[in-house]
Amino acid sequence: MLVVETSGPGETEALGADLAMRLRDGDIVLVRGDLGSGKTTLVRGAARALGVTDPVTSPTFSIGHRYRGASLTVSHLDLYRLAGLGDEDPGLLADYLGAGRIAFVEWPAGDSEELSDARVRITLTHQGGDRRRIEVME
């Protein structure tokens, strides 16, 4: 496990960019943390490093966004509004996961089968002010 403390959004984005360089086609990254802990900031840094030039925003109200990266699609999901995936359409995540994509999933829902193959798990914790403790398990 890697544990990093960042002191502002720029450092959190930079950590996301560093992480992106270790990701592979088809990877799923689960991102956990309280509201405002920097989840989208970290994903924005990773997406930029993967070649995304569009604005990267939280998909809270739309479940997910897909962005064209340099060589693959970057999926950014937010499952905060879902208690789990068991009662949802089985194809809900199909356009976001799989070959040709790297998926970042904020607020992963329970123990869903669709997300069981996640290769990276990240937890962000407030440390006061702009400081964050970020744990990365690969």
N, C-alpha and C. Protein backbone atom coordinates (compact mmCIF):
# COMPACT_ATOMS: atom_id res chain seq x y z
N MET A 1 0.84 -1.17 0.00
CA MET A 1 0.00 0.00 0.00
C MET A 1 0.89 1.24 0.00
N LEU A 2 0.49 2.22 -0.79
CA LEU A 2 1.15 3.51 -0.86
C LEU A 2 0.29 4.50 -0.09
N VAL A 3 0.91 5.28 0.81
CA VAL A 3 0.20 6.31 1.56
C VAL A 3 0.90 7.63 1.28
N VAL A 4 0.11 8.62 0.82
CA VAL A 4 0.65 9.93 0.48
C VAL A 4 -0.22 10.98 1.14
N GLU A 5 0.41 12.05 1.62
CA GLU A 5 -0.34 13.20 2.09
C GLU A 5 -0.10 14.34 1.12
N THR A 6 -1.20 14.95 0.67
CA THR A 6 -1.09 16.09 -0.24
C THR A 6 -1.52 17.34 0.52
N SER A 7 -1.01 18.50 0.08
CA SER A 7 -1.30 19.75 0.77
C SER A 7 -2.16 20.69 -0.05
N GLY A 8 -2.68 20.21 -1.18
CA GLY A 8 -3.55 21.05 -2.00
C GLY A 8 -4.01 20.31 -3.23
N PRO A 9 -4.97 20.90 -3.96
CA PRO A 9 -5.51 20.25 -5.15
C PRO A 9 -4.46 19.92 -6.21
N GLY A 10 -3.47 20.79 -6.38
CA GLY A 10 -2.43 20.54 -7.38
C GLY A 10 -1.65 19.27 -7.08
N GLU A 11 -1.33 19.05 -5.82
CA GLU A 11 -0.61 17.83 -5.44
C GLU A 11 -1.50 16.59 -5.59
N THR A 12 -2.79 16.75 -5.31
CA THR A 12 -3.72 15.62 -5.47
C THR A 12 -3.85 15.26 -6.95
N GLU A 13 -3.95 16.27 -7.82
CA GLU A 13 -3.98 16.01 -9.27
C GLU A 13 -2.69 15.35 -9.73
N ALA A 14 -1.56 15.82 -9.22
CA ALA A 14 -0.27 15.25 -9.62
C ALA A 14 -0.18 13.77 -9.22
N LEU A 15 -0.71 13.44 -8.05
CA LEU A 15 -0.73 12.03 -7.64
C LEU A 15 -1.59 11.22 -8.59
N GLY A 16 -2.73 11.77 -9.00
CA GLY A 16 -3.58 11.10 -9.98
C GLY A 16 -2.84 10.86 -11.29
N ALA A 17 -2.07 11.85 -11.72
CA ALA A 17 -1.29 11.71 -12.96
C ALA A 17 -0.24 10.62 -12.83
N ASP A 18 0.44 10.57 -11.68
CA ASP A 18 1.44 9.51 -11.45
C ASP A 18 0.78 8.14 -11.47
N LEU A 19 -0.37 8.03 -10.83
CA LEU A 19 -1.10 6.77 -10.81
C LEU A 19 -1.48 6.33 -12.22
N ALA A 20 -1.93 7.28 -13.04
CA ALA A 20 -2.38 6.97 -14.40
C ALA A 20 -1.29 6.29 -15.22
N MET A 21 -0.05 6.63 -14.97
CA MET A 21 1.05 6.05 -15.74
C MET A 21 1.23 4.56 -15.46
N ARG A 22 0.64 4.07 -14.36
CA ARG A 22 0.75 2.64 -14.02
C ARG A 22 -0.48 1.84 -14.42
N LEU A 23 -1.48 2.51 -14.97
CA LEU A 23 -2.72 1.83 -15.33
C LEU A 23 -2.63 1.20 -16.71
N ARG A 24 -3.48 0.19 -16.92
CA ARG A 24 -3.52 -0.54 -18.20
C ARG A 24 -4.94 -0.54 -18.75
N ASP A 25 -5.02 -0.78 -20.02
CA ASP A 25 -6.30 -0.90 -20.72
C ASP A 25 -7.20 -1.89 -19.95
N GLY A 26 -8.42 -1.48 -19.68
CA GLY A 26 -9.38 -2.34 -18.99
C GLY A 26 -9.38 -2.22 -17.48
N ASP A 27 -8.44 -1.45 -16.91
CA ASP A 27 -8.37 -1.33 -15.45
C ASP A 27 -9.59 -0.61 -14.89
N ILE A 28 -9.95 -1.02 -13.67
CA ILE A 28 -10.99 -0.36 -12.88
C ILE A 28 -10.31 0.15 -11.61
N VAL A 29 -10.56 1.42 -11.29
CA VAL A 29 -10.00 2.06 -10.11
C VAL A 29 -11.16 2.50 -9.23
N LEU A 30 -11.25 1.95 -8.02
CA LEU A 30 -12.30 2.34 -7.08
C LEU A 30 -11.78 3.48 -6.21
N VAL A 31 -12.57 4.56 -6.11
CA VAL A 31 -12.15 5.76 -5.39
C VAL A 31 -13.16 6.06 -4.29
N ARG A 32 -12.70 5.96 -3.04
CA ARG A 32 -13.57 6.19 -1.89
C ARG A 32 -13.10 7.41 -1.11
N GLY A 33 -14.04 8.05 -0.45
CA GLY A 33 -13.72 9.19 0.41
C GLY A 33 -14.98 9.99 0.67
N ASP A 34 -14.94 10.77 1.74
CA ASP A 34 -16.08 11.62 2.08
C ASP A 34 -16.32 12.67 1.00
N LEU A 35 -17.49 13.29 1.05
CA LEU A 35 -17.79 14.40 0.15
C LEU A 35 -16.71 15.47 0.30
N GLY A 36 -16.21 15.96 -0.83
CA GLY A 36 -15.22 17.02 -0.80
C GLY A 36 -13.82 16.58 -0.45
N SER A 37 -13.56 15.29 -0.46
CA SER A 37 -12.23 14.80 -0.07
C SER A 37 -11.21 14.83 -1.21
N GLY A 38 -11.65 15.14 -2.43
CA GLY A 38 -10.71 15.25 -3.54
C GLY A 38 -10.78 14.12 -4.55
N LYS A 39 -11.84 13.34 -4.52
CA LYS A 39 -11.96 12.20 -5.45
C LYS A 39 -11.92 12.66 -6.90
N THR A 40 -12.74 13.64 -7.25
CA THR A 40 -12.78 14.12 -8.63
C THR A 40 -11.48 14.83 -8.99
N THR A 41 -10.86 15.51 -8.05
CA THR A 41 -9.58 16.17 -8.30
C THR A 41 -8.53 15.14 -8.67
N LEU A 42 -8.47 14.04 -7.95
CA LEU A 42 -7.53 12.96 -8.26
C LEU A 42 -7.82 12.38 -9.65
N VAL A 43 -9.09 12.13 -9.94
CA VAL A 43 -9.47 11.57 -11.25
C VAL A 43 -9.11 12.55 -12.36
N ARG A 44 -9.31 13.85 -12.12
CA ARG A 44 -8.97 14.87 -13.13
C ARG A 44 -7.49 14.80 -13.47
N GLY A 45 -6.64 14.65 -12.47
CA GLY A 45 -5.20 14.54 -12.73
C GLY A 45 -4.86 13.30 -13.54
N ALA A 46 -5.50 12.19 -13.21
CA ALA A 46 -5.27 10.95 -13.97
C ALA A 46 -5.76 11.09 -15.41
N ALA A 47 -6.94 11.67 -15.57
CA ALA A 47 -7.51 11.82 -16.91
C ALA A 47 -6.62 12.71 -17.78
N ARG A 48 -6.12 13.79 -17.22
CA ARG A 48 -5.21 14.68 -17.98
C ARG A 48 -3.98 13.90 -18.44
N ALA A 49 -3.42 13.11 -17.55
CA ALA A 49 -2.22 12.33 -17.89
C ALA A 49 -2.51 11.29 -18.96
N LEU A 50 -3.77 10.85 -19.05
CA LEU A 50 -4.17 9.86 -20.07
C LEU A 50 -4.61 10.54 -21.37
N GLY A 51 -4.44 11.86 -21.45
CA GLY A 51 -4.69 12.58 -22.70
C GLY A 51 -6.05 13.24 -22.83
N VAL A 52 -6.83 13.29 -21.77
CA VAL A 52 -8.14 13.95 -21.81
C VAL A 52 -7.92 15.46 -21.81
N THR A 53 -8.56 16.15 -22.77
CA THR A 53 -8.44 17.60 -22.83
C THR A 53 -9.75 18.31 -22.47
N ASP A 54 -10.86 17.57 -22.43
CA ASP A 54 -12.14 18.16 -22.04
C ASP A 54 -12.15 18.41 -20.53
N PRO A 55 -13.01 19.33 -20.07
CA PRO A 55 -13.15 19.53 -18.62
C PRO A 55 -13.62 18.24 -17.94
N VAL A 56 -13.00 17.87 -16.85
CA VAL A 56 -13.37 16.68 -16.09
C VAL A 56 -14.14 17.14 -14.86
N THR A 57 -15.41 16.77 -14.81
CA THR A 57 -16.28 17.20 -13.71
C THR A 57 -16.91 15.99 -13.05
N SER A 58 -17.45 16.21 -11.86
CA SER A 58 -18.09 15.13 -11.13
C SER A 58 -19.35 14.67 -11.86
N PRO A 59 -19.50 13.37 -12.04
CA PRO A 59 -20.70 12.84 -12.71
C PRO A 59 -21.83 12.49 -11.74
N THR A 60 -21.89 13.14 -10.59
CA THR A 60 -22.86 12.79 -9.54
C THR A 60 -24.29 12.67 -10.05
N PHE A 61 -24.71 13.57 -10.91
CA PHE A 61 -26.11 13.58 -11.33
C PHE A 61 -26.36 12.82 -12.62
N SER A 62 -25.32 12.27 -13.22
CA SER A 62 -25.51 11.54 -14.48
C SER A 62 -24.94 10.12 -14.43
N ILE A 63 -24.50 9.66 -13.31
CA ILE A 63 -23.87 8.35 -13.08
C ILE A 63 -22.46 8.31 -13.67
N GLY A 64 -22.28 8.70 -14.93
CA GLY A 64 -20.95 8.60 -15.50
C GLY A 64 -20.70 9.52 -16.68
N HIS A 65 -19.42 9.81 -16.90
CA HIS A 65 -18.94 10.54 -18.07
C HIS A 65 -17.89 9.67 -18.76
N ARG A 66 -17.81 9.79 -20.07
CA ARG A 66 -16.74 9.15 -20.83
C ARG A 66 -15.97 10.24 -21.55
N TYR A 67 -14.66 10.14 -21.49
CA TYR A 67 -13.78 11.12 -22.12
C TYR A 67 -12.84 10.41 -23.08
N ARG A 68 -12.57 11.05 -24.20
CA ARG A 68 -11.60 10.50 -25.15
C ARG A 68 -10.20 10.88 -24.67
N GLY A 69 -9.40 9.86 -24.42
CA GLY A 69 -8.02 10.07 -24.03
C GLY A 69 -7.12 9.90 -25.24
N ALA A 70 -5.81 9.87 -25.02
CA ALA A 70 -4.85 9.75 -26.12
C ALA A 70 -4.99 8.43 -26.86
N SER A 71 -5.21 7.33 -26.13
CA SER A 71 -5.27 6.03 -26.80
C SER A 71 -6.43 5.16 -26.32
N LEU A 72 -7.25 5.69 -25.39
CA LEU A 72 -8.38 4.92 -24.89
C LEU A 72 -9.40 5.86 -24.29
N THR A 73 -10.51 5.31 -23.88
CA THR A 73 -11.57 6.09 -23.24
C THR A 73 -11.36 6.07 -21.73
N VAL A 74 -11.51 7.22 -21.11
CA VAL A 74 -11.45 7.33 -19.65
C VAL A 74 -12.89 7.47 -19.17
N SER A 75 -13.32 6.51 -18.37
CA SER A 75 -14.66 6.53 -17.79
C SER A 75 -14.56 7.04 -16.36
N HIS A 76 -15.51 7.91 -16.01
CA HIS A 76 -15.55 8.47 -14.65
C HIS A 76 -16.97 8.30 -14.14
N LEU A 77 -17.13 7.39 -13.20
CA LEU A 77 -18.46 7.10 -12.65
C LEU A 77 -18.58 7.58 -11.22
N ASP A 78 -19.80 7.91 -10.84
CA ASP A 78 -20.10 8.28 -9.46
C ASP A 78 -21.37 7.54 -9.08
N LEU A 79 -21.25 6.55 -8.21
CA LEU A 79 -22.39 5.71 -7.84
C LEU A 79 -22.99 6.10 -6.50
N TYR A 80 -22.76 7.34 -6.08
CA TYR A 80 -23.23 7.83 -4.78
C TYR A 80 -24.73 7.62 -4.59
N ARG A 81 -25.51 7.85 -5.63
CA ARG A 81 -26.96 7.78 -5.51
C ARG A 81 -27.50 6.36 -5.54
N LEU A 82 -26.64 5.37 -5.76
CA LEU A 82 -27.10 3.98 -5.83
C LEU A 82 -26.74 3.23 -4.56
N ALA A 83 -27.71 2.56 -3.99
CA ALA A 83 -27.45 1.74 -2.79
C ALA A 83 -26.67 0.49 -3.16
N GLY A 84 -26.79 0.05 -4.38
CA GLY A 84 -26.12 -1.13 -4.89
C GLY A 84 -26.48 -1.28 -6.34
N LEU A 85 -25.86 -2.23 -7.01
CA LEU A 85 -26.15 -2.43 -8.43
C LEU A 85 -27.13 -3.58 -8.67
N GLY A 86 -27.47 -4.32 -7.63
CA GLY A 86 -28.34 -5.49 -7.77
C GLY A 86 -29.71 -5.17 -8.36
N ASP A 87 -30.27 -4.00 -8.03
CA ASP A 87 -31.59 -3.63 -8.53
C ASP A 87 -31.54 -2.80 -9.80
N GLU A 88 -30.35 -2.54 -10.31
CA GLU A 88 -30.19 -1.71 -11.50
C GLU A 88 -30.17 -2.57 -12.77
N ASP A 89 -30.34 -1.92 -13.90
CA ASP A 89 -30.23 -2.58 -15.20
C ASP A 89 -28.86 -3.24 -15.28
N PRO A 90 -28.80 -4.53 -15.61
CA PRO A 90 -27.51 -5.23 -15.67
C PRO A 90 -26.50 -4.58 -16.63
N GLY A 91 -26.98 -3.84 -17.60
CA GLY A 91 -26.08 -3.19 -18.56
C GLY A 91 -25.71 -1.77 -18.20
N LEU A 92 -26.07 -1.31 -17.00
CA LEU A 92 -25.83 0.07 -16.60
C LEU A 92 -24.39 0.52 -16.79
N LEU A 93 -23.44 -0.33 -16.46
CA LEU A 93 -22.02 0.04 -16.52
C LEU A 93 -21.31 -0.43 -17.79
N ALA A 94 -22.01 -1.12 -18.65
CA ALA A 94 -21.39 -1.74 -19.82
C ALA A 94 -20.62 -0.76 -20.70
N ASP A 95 -21.13 0.44 -20.89
CA ASP A 95 -20.46 1.42 -21.75
C ASP A 95 -19.25 2.07 -21.08
N TYR A 96 -19.06 1.80 -19.81
CA TYR A 96 -17.99 2.45 -19.05
C TYR A 96 -16.82 1.54 -18.73
N LEU A 97 -17.05 0.23 -18.74
CA LEU A 97 -16.03 -0.73 -18.33
C LEU A 97 -15.59 -1.60 -19.50
N GLY A 98 -14.38 -2.15 -19.41
CA GLY A 98 -13.94 -3.13 -20.38
C GLY A 98 -12.79 -2.67 -21.25
N ALA A 99 -12.56 -3.44 -22.29
CA ALA A 99 -11.44 -3.17 -23.19
C ALA A 99 -11.57 -1.79 -23.82
N GLY A 100 -10.43 -1.14 -23.97
CA GLY A 100 -10.39 0.19 -24.56
C GLY A 100 -10.74 1.30 -23.59
N ARG A 101 -10.84 0.94 -22.30
CA ARG A 101 -11.23 1.91 -21.28
C ARG A 101 -10.41 1.73 -20.00
N ILE A 102 -10.29 2.82 -19.29
CA ILE A 102 -9.87 2.80 -17.89
C ILE A 102 -10.99 3.49 -17.15
N ALA A 103 -11.52 2.84 -16.10
CA ALA A 103 -12.68 3.36 -15.37
C ALA A 103 -12.30 3.75 -13.96
N PHE A 104 -12.67 4.97 -13.58
CA PHE A 104 -12.55 5.46 -12.22
C PHE A 104 -13.94 5.50 -11.64
N VAL A 105 -14.16 4.81 -10.53
CA VAL A 105 -15.50 4.67 -9.95
C VAL A 105 -15.50 5.27 -8.54
N GLU A 106 -16.15 6.43 -8.42
CA GLU A 106 -16.33 7.05 -7.12
C GLU A 106 -17.54 6.41 -6.45
N TRP A 107 -17.49 6.27 -5.14
CA TRP A 107 -18.57 5.69 -4.35
C TRP A 107 -18.98 4.33 -4.92
N PRO A 108 -18.04 3.40 -5.06
CA PRO A 108 -18.41 2.08 -5.60
C PRO A 108 -19.51 1.44 -4.76
N ALA A 109 -20.48 0.88 -5.43
CA ALA A 109 -21.68 0.35 -4.77
C ALA A 109 -21.47 -1.06 -4.26
N GLY A 110 -21.39 -1.22 -2.96
CA GLY A 110 -21.35 -2.54 -2.34
C GLY A 110 -20.34 -3.50 -2.94
N ASP A 111 -20.72 -4.75 -3.00
CA ASP A 111 -19.87 -5.81 -3.53
C ASP A 111 -20.36 -6.24 -4.91
N SER A 112 -20.47 -5.30 -5.83
CA SER A 112 -21.01 -5.62 -7.14
C SER A 112 -20.04 -6.47 -7.96
N GLU A 113 -20.60 -7.40 -8.68
CA GLU A 113 -19.80 -8.28 -9.53
C GLU A 113 -19.08 -7.49 -10.62
N GLU A 114 -19.73 -6.44 -11.13
CA GLU A 114 -19.14 -5.63 -12.21
C GLU A 114 -17.84 -4.97 -11.79
N LEU A 115 -17.70 -4.69 -10.50
CA LEU A 115 -16.52 -3.99 -10.01
C LEU A 115 -15.54 -4.89 -9.26
N SER A 116 -15.82 -6.19 -9.24
CA SER A 116 -14.99 -7.12 -8.47
C SER A 116 -13.58 -7.26 -9.01
N ASP A 117 -13.36 -6.91 -10.27
CA ASP A 117 -12.04 -7.02 -10.87
C ASP A 117 -11.21 -5.76 -10.72
N ALA A 118 -11.62 -4.85 -9.87
CA ALA A 118 -10.87 -3.60 -9.68
C ALA A 118 -9.43 -3.92 -9.32
N ARG A 119 -8.51 -3.27 -10.02
CA ARG A 119 -7.08 -3.51 -9.78
C ARG A 119 -6.50 -2.54 -8.76
N VAL A 120 -7.12 -1.36 -8.65
CA VAL A 120 -6.61 -0.33 -7.75
C VAL A 120 -7.76 0.16 -6.88
N ARG A 121 -7.47 0.35 -5.60
CA ARG A 121 -8.45 0.89 -4.66
C ARG A 121 -7.80 2.08 -3.94
N ILE A 122 -8.50 3.21 -3.99
CA ILE A 122 -7.96 4.45 -3.42
C ILE A 122 -8.93 4.97 -2.37
N THR A 123 -8.40 5.43 -1.25
CA THR A 123 -9.21 6.06 -0.21
C THR A 123 -8.59 7.41 0.11
N LEU A 124 -9.42 8.46 0.05
CA LEU A 124 -9.00 9.82 0.39
C LEU A 124 -9.64 10.23 1.70
N THR A 125 -8.86 10.85 2.57
CA THR A 125 -9.34 11.28 3.87
C THR A 125 -8.93 12.72 4.12
N HIS A 126 -9.88 13.55 4.59
CA HIS A 126 -9.58 14.93 4.98
C HIS A 126 -8.57 14.94 6.12
N GLN A 127 -7.60 15.83 6.04
CA GLN A 127 -6.64 15.99 7.13
C GLN A 127 -6.66 17.43 7.65
N GLY A 128 -7.70 18.19 7.29
CA GLY A 128 -7.80 19.59 7.68
C GLY A 128 -7.32 20.50 6.57
N GLY A 129 -8.06 21.58 6.34
CA GLY A 129 -7.71 22.51 5.27
C GLY A 129 -7.69 21.80 3.93
N ASP A 130 -6.65 22.03 3.16
CA ASP A 130 -6.50 21.39 1.84
C ASP A 130 -5.70 20.09 1.91
N ARG A 131 -5.31 19.67 3.10
CA ARG A 131 -4.50 18.46 3.23
C ARG A 131 -5.36 17.21 3.13
N ARG A 132 -4.84 16.20 2.42
CA ARG A 132 -5.52 14.92 2.26
C ARG A 132 -4.53 13.80 2.49
N ARG A 133 -5.03 12.73 3.10
CA ARG A 133 -4.28 11.47 3.20
C ARG A 133 -4.87 10.56 2.14
N ILE A 134 -4.02 10.03 1.28
CA ILE A 134 -4.47 9.20 0.17
C ILE A 134 -3.78 7.85 0.25
N GLU A 135 -4.60 6.80 0.36
CA GLU A 135 -4.10 5.43 0.41
C GLU A 135 -4.40 4.76 -0.92
N VAL A 136 -3.38 4.18 -1.52
CA VAL A 136 -3.52 3.50 -2.81
C VAL A 136 -3.12 2.05 -2.63
N MET A 137 -4.07 1.15 -2.91
CA MET A 137 -3.79 -0.29 -2.86
C MET A 137 -3.88 -0.85 -4.27
N GLU A 138 -2.78 -1.44 -4.74
CA GLU A 138 -2.75 -2.03 -6.08
C GLU A 138 -2.66 -3.55 -5.95
